[in-house]
């Protein structure tokens, strides 16, 4: 698809946000390194500060805090698909890609398509729907970051 360009996937949040220039492999390596080295260092530091505190009071909050970056992948994001021709022609390609991901069209309206997961997965994350806004020469796709990464990869092939 030479006449189609994809924007970077960005997190949808209030306020301005400048995306990090790090590539996903570097981000994953940094996350893994901080989990492997940082969490035990935090446990040790808190234990040295108060040796009488039960380790459960130290370990559980540190582990829960360490899981926050992993949960951040389920946060909502968005990307844009820009074309030289009318963007409504891409909806069929998008339907096929969403079908392979386990999504089915839920509702279609003028200028929008919403996809919902066919099989309920556990845990069911609220907001796991994918919403596509169709404009003249652009599709705006919003949904969970993890699903958007896979979808963008399938569409770019």
C-alpha atoms as a PDB file:
ATOM      1  CA  UNK A   1       0.000   0.000   0.000  1.00  0.00           C
ATOM      2  CA  UNK A   2       2.217   2.789  -1.293  1.00  0.00           C
ATOM      3  CA  UNK A   3      -0.484   5.428  -1.072  1.00  0.00           C
ATOM      4  CA  UNK A   4      -1.158   4.818   2.639  1.00  0.00           C
ATOM      5  CA  UNK A   5       0.825   6.277   5.554  1.00  0.00           C
ATOM      6  CA  UNK A   6       0.493   5.454   9.248  1.00  0.00           C
ATOM      7  CA  UNK A   7       1.103   7.818  12.128  1.00  0.00           C
ATOM      8  CA  UNK A   8       2.789   6.743  15.330  1.00  0.00           C
ATOM      9  CA  UNK A   9       0.554   5.318  18.024  1.00  0.00           C
ATOM     10  CA  UNK A  10       0.103   7.869  20.751  1.00  0.00           C
ATOM     11  CA  UNK A  11      -1.537   7.616  24.114  1.00  0.00           C
ATOM     12  CA  UNK A  12      -4.811   9.462  24.521  1.00  0.00           C
ATOM     13  CA  UNK A  13      -4.643  11.622  27.609  1.00  0.00           C
ATOM     14  CA  UNK A  14      -5.532  15.071  28.791  1.00  0.00           C
ATOM     15  CA  UNK A  15      -2.916  17.765  28.395  1.00  0.00           C
ATOM     16  CA  UNK A  16       0.021  17.865  26.071  1.00  0.00           C
ATOM     17  CA  UNK A  17       2.356  14.929  25.784  1.00  0.00           C
ATOM     18  CA  UNK A  18       5.518  14.640  23.766  1.00  0.00           C
ATOM     19  CA  UNK A  19       6.131  11.022  22.702  1.00  0.00           C
ATOM     20  CA  UNK A  20       9.391   9.422  23.742  1.00  0.00           C
ATOM     21  CA  UNK A  21      11.887   8.874  20.914  1.00  0.00           C
ATOM     22  CA  UNK A  22      12.859   5.426  22.242  1.00  0.00           C
ATOM     23  CA  UNK A  23      11.936   2.491  20.026  1.00  0.00           C
ATOM     24  CA  UNK A  24       9.747  -0.305  21.483  1.00  0.00           C
ATOM     25  CA  UNK A  25      12.705  -2.708  21.936  1.00  0.00           C
ATOM     26  CA  UNK A  26      14.571  -0.135  23.981  1.00  0.00           C
ATOM     27  CA  UNK A  27      11.459   0.550  26.038  1.00  0.00           C
ATOM     28  CA  UNK A  28      10.943  -3.143  26.744  1.00  0.00           C
ATOM     29  CA  UNK A  29      14.604  -3.572  27.689  1.00  0.00           C
ATOM     30  CA  UNK A  30      14.459  -0.567  29.990  1.00  0.00           C
ATOM     31  CA  UNK A  31      11.256  -1.838  31.609  1.00  0.00           C
ATOM     32  CA  UNK A  32      12.715  -5.308  32.143  1.00  0.00           C
ATOM     33  CA  UNK A  33      15.948  -3.910  33.539  1.00  0.00           C
ATOM     34  CA  UNK A  34      14.113  -1.619  35.947  1.00  0.00           C
ATOM     35  CA  UNK A  35      11.879  -4.480  37.088  1.00  0.00           C
ATOM     36  CA  UNK A  36      14.788  -6.886  37.634  1.00  0.00           C
ATOM     37  CA  UNK A  37      17.134  -4.397  39.305  1.00  0.00           C
ATOM     38  CA  UNK A  38      14.908  -1.603  40.552  1.00  0.00           C
ATOM     39  CA  UNK A  39      12.226  -3.509  42.445  1.00  0.00           C
ATOM     40  CA  UNK A  40      14.629  -5.588  44.577  1.00  0.00           C
ATOM     41  CA  UNK A  41      16.659  -2.418  45.239  1.00  0.00           C
ATOM     42  CA  UNK A  42      13.512  -0.657  46.461  1.00  0.00           C
ATOM     43  CA  UNK A  43      12.625  -3.582  48.738  1.00  0.00           C
ATOM     44  CA  UNK A  44      16.152  -3.583  50.171  1.00  0.00           C
ATOM     45  CA  UNK A  45      16.146   0.207  50.660  1.00  0.00           C
ATOM     46  CA  UNK A  46      12.796   0.186  52.459  1.00  0.00           C
ATOM     47  CA  UNK A  47      13.892  -2.757  54.593  1.00  0.00           C
ATOM     48  CA  UNK A  48      17.085  -0.895  55.583  1.00  0.00           C
ATOM     49  CA  UNK A  49      15.061   2.204  56.464  1.00  0.00           C
ATOM     50  CA  UNK A  50      12.766   0.241  58.786  1.00  0.00           C
ATOM     51  CA  UNK A  51      14.054  -3.269  59.581  1.00  0.00           C
ATOM     52  CA  UNK A  52      11.089  -3.924  61.908  1.00  0.00           C
ATOM     53  CA  UNK A  53       8.482  -3.517  59.137  1.00  0.00           C
ATOM     54  CA  UNK A  54       7.050  -6.826  57.893  1.00  0.00           C
ATOM     55  CA  UNK A  55       8.378  -7.666  54.436  1.00  0.00           C
ATOM     56  CA  UNK A  56       4.820  -8.116  53.170  1.00  0.00           C
ATOM     57  CA  UNK A  57       4.167  -4.422  53.824  1.00  0.00           C
ATOM     58  CA  UNK A  58       7.166  -3.589  51.665  1.00  0.00           C
ATOM     59  CA  UNK A  59       7.036  -6.186  48.885  1.00  0.00           C
ATOM     60  CA  UNK A  60       3.338  -5.931  47.973  1.00  0.00           C
ATOM     61  CA  UNK A  61       3.291  -2.148  47.312  1.00  0.00           C
ATOM     62  CA  UNK A  62       6.585  -2.338  45.416  1.00  0.00           C
ATOM     63  CA  UNK A  63       5.279  -5.137  43.165  1.00  0.00           C
ATOM     64  CA  UNK A  64       1.997  -3.332  42.568  1.00  0.00           C
ATOM     65  CA  UNK A  65       3.910  -0.184  41.629  1.00  0.00           C
ATOM     66  CA  UNK A  66       6.106  -2.228  39.319  1.00  0.00           C
ATOM     67  CA  UNK A  67       3.059  -3.564  37.490  1.00  0.00           C
ATOM     68  CA  UNK A  68       1.811  -0.100  36.555  1.00  0.00           C
ATOM     69  CA  UNK A  69       3.917   0.140  33.354  1.00  0.00           C
ATOM     70  CA  UNK A  70       2.569  -3.235  32.219  1.00  0.00           C
ATOM     71  CA  UNK A  71      -0.999  -2.072  32.806  1.00  0.00           C
ATOM     72  CA  UNK A  72      -0.244   1.121  30.883  1.00  0.00           C
ATOM     73  CA  UNK A  73      -0.239  -0.938  27.673  1.00  0.00           C
ATOM     74  CA  UNK A  74      -4.020  -1.329  28.017  1.00  0.00           C
ATOM     75  CA  UNK A  75      -4.551   2.432  28.170  1.00  0.00           C
ATOM     76  CA  UNK A  76      -6.347   4.025  25.249  1.00  0.00           C
ATOM     77  CA  UNK A  77      -4.358   5.204  22.278  1.00  0.00           C
ATOM     78  CA  UNK A  78      -4.853   6.365  18.731  1.00  0.00           C
ATOM     79  CA  UNK A  79      -3.221   6.436  15.340  1.00  0.00           C
ATOM     80  CA  UNK A  80      -4.127   7.815  11.941  1.00  0.00           C
ATOM     81  CA  UNK A  81      -4.091   6.191   8.520  1.00  0.00           C
ATOM     82  CA  UNK A  82      -3.752   8.779   5.756  1.00  0.00           C
ATOM     83  CA  UNK A  83      -4.459   7.953   2.117  1.00  0.00           C
ATOM     84  CA  UNK A  84      -4.288   9.723  -1.233  1.00  0.00           C
ATOM     85  CA  UNK A  85      -7.670   8.297  -2.200  1.00  0.00           C
ATOM     86  CA  UNK A  86     -10.955   8.220  -0.307  1.00  0.00           C
ATOM     87  CA  UNK A  87     -10.516   6.663   3.132  1.00  0.00           C
ATOM     88  CA  UNK A  88     -13.832   4.799   2.939  1.00  0.00           C
ATOM     89  CA  UNK A  89     -12.110   2.314   0.589  1.00  0.00           C
ATOM     90  CA  UNK A  90      -9.871   1.216   3.489  1.00  0.00           C
ATOM     91  CA  UNK A  91     -12.782   0.138   5.684  1.00  0.00           C
ATOM     92  CA  UNK A  92     -12.972  -3.261   3.945  1.00  0.00           C
ATOM     93  CA  UNK A  93      -9.255  -3.856   4.569  1.00  0.00           C
ATOM     94  CA  UNK A  94      -9.760  -2.757   8.159  1.00  0.00           C
ATOM     95  CA  UNK A  95     -12.694  -5.182   8.539  1.00  0.00           C
ATOM     96  CA  UNK A  96     -10.471  -8.069   7.428  1.00  0.00           C
ATOM     97  CA  UNK A  97      -7.663  -7.089   9.805  1.00  0.00           C
ATOM     98  CA  UNK A  98     -10.080  -6.709  12.724  1.00  0.00           C
ATOM     99  CA  UNK A  99     -11.608 -10.110  11.906  1.00  0.00           C
ATOM    100  CA  UNK A 100      -8.154 -11.713  12.222  1.00  0.00           C
ATOM    101  CA  UNK A 101      -7.731 -10.025  15.618  1.00  0.00           C
ATOM    102  CA  UNK A 102     -11.013 -11.466  16.902  1.00  0.00           C
ATOM    103  CA  UNK A 103     -13.125  -8.331  16.550  1.00  0.00           C
ATOM    104  CA  UNK A 104     -16.469  -7.962  14.796  1.00  0.00           C
ATOM    105  CA  UNK A 105     -18.223  -4.778  13.658  1.00  0.00           C
ATOM    106  CA  UNK A 106     -20.604  -3.727  16.416  1.00  0.00           C
ATOM    107  CA  UNK A 107     -22.176  -0.594  15.055  1.00  0.00           C
ATOM    108  CA  UNK A 108     -21.743   1.387  11.877  1.00  0.00           C
ATOM    109  CA  UNK A 109     -22.795   4.955  11.552  1.00  0.00           C
ATOM    110  CA  UNK A 110     -22.070   7.767   9.158  1.00  0.00           C
ATOM    111  CA  UNK A 111     -18.342   8.313   9.474  1.00  0.00           C
ATOM    112  CA  UNK A 112     -17.710   5.854  12.335  1.00  0.00           C
ATOM    113  CA  UNK A 113     -17.294   2.132  12.823  1.00  0.00           C
ATOM    114  CA  UNK A 114     -17.047   0.441  16.230  1.00  0.00           C
ATOM    115  CA  UNK A 115     -15.539  -3.018  16.622  1.00  0.00           C
ATOM    116  CA  UNK A 116     -16.142  -5.268  19.641  1.00  0.00           C
ATOM    117  CA  UNK A 117     -14.320  -8.454  20.630  1.00  0.00           C
ATOM    118  CA  UNK A 118     -16.244 -11.566  19.578  1.00  0.00           C
ATOM    119  CA  UNK A 119     -15.138 -13.864  22.391  1.00  0.00           C
ATOM    120  CA  UNK A 120     -15.052 -12.457  25.892  1.00  0.00           C
ATOM    121  CA  UNK A 121     -11.515 -12.665  27.225  1.00  0.00           C
ATOM    122  CA  UNK A 122     -10.538 -12.625  30.844  1.00  0.00           C
ATOM    123  CA  UNK A 123     -10.034 -10.161  32.302  1.00  0.00           C
ATOM    124  CA  UNK A 124     -12.460  -8.095  30.305  1.00  0.00           C
ATOM    125  CA  UNK A 125     -11.001  -4.622  30.097  1.00  0.00           C
ATOM    126  CA  UNK A 126     -13.469  -1.847  29.856  1.00  0.00           C
ATOM    127  CA  UNK A 127     -12.813   0.195  26.774  1.00  0.00           C
ATOM    128  CA  UNK A 128     -11.428  -2.705  24.712  1.00  0.00           C
ATOM    129  CA  UNK A 129     -13.560  -1.597  21.765  1.00  0.00           C
ATOM    130  CA  UNK A 130     -11.894  -0.162  18.686  1.00  0.00           C
ATOM    131  CA  UNK A 131     -13.476   2.961  17.212  1.00  0.00           C
ATOM    132  CA  UNK A 132     -12.674   4.147  13.701  1.00  0.00           C
ATOM    133  CA  UNK A 133     -13.582   7.615  12.494  1.00  0.00           C
ATOM    134  CA  UNK A 134     -13.657   7.904   8.701  1.00  0.00           C
ATOM    135  CA  UNK A 135     -12.776  11.275   7.197  1.00  0.00           C
ATOM    136  CA  UNK A 136     -12.075  12.306   3.587  1.00  0.00           C
ATOM    137  CA  UNK A 137      -8.510  10.987   3.293  1.00  0.00           C
ATOM    138  CA  UNK A 138      -7.896   9.723   6.816  1.00  0.00           C
ATOM    139  CA  UNK A 139      -8.972   7.036   9.294  1.00  0.00           C
ATOM    140  CA  UNK A 140      -8.548   7.764  12.988  1.00  0.00           C
ATOM    141  CA  UNK A 141      -8.339   4.514  14.979  1.00  0.00           C
ATOM    142  CA  UNK A 142      -8.699   4.577  18.787  1.00  0.00           C
ATOM    143  CA  UNK A 143      -8.562   1.702  21.255  1.00  0.00           C
ATOM    144  CA  UNK A 144      -6.194  -0.153  23.605  1.00  0.00           C
ATOM    145  CA  UNK A 145      -2.513   0.499  22.843  1.00  0.00           C
ATOM    146  CA  UNK A 146      -1.597  -3.188  22.633  1.00  0.00           C
ATOM    147  CA  UNK A 147      -4.339  -3.952  20.090  1.00  0.00           C
ATOM    148  CA  UNK A 148      -3.474  -0.854  18.069  1.00  0.00           C
ATOM    149  CA  UNK A 149       0.152  -1.987  17.744  1.00  0.00           C
ATOM    150  CA  UNK A 150      -0.914  -5.356  16.364  1.00  0.00           C
ATOM    151  CA  UNK A 151      -3.522  -3.787  14.079  1.00  0.00           C
ATOM    152  CA  UNK A 152      -1.042  -1.259  12.698  1.00  0.00           C
ATOM    153  CA  UNK A 153       1.384  -4.099  11.972  1.00  0.00           C
ATOM    154  CA  UNK A 154      -1.295  -6.066  10.116  1.00  0.00           C
ATOM    155  CA  UNK A 155      -2.425  -3.078   8.079  1.00  0.00           C
ATOM    156  CA  UNK A 156       1.100  -2.113   7.058  1.00  0.00           C
ATOM    157  CA  UNK A 157       1.830  -5.521   5.491  1.00  0.00           C
END
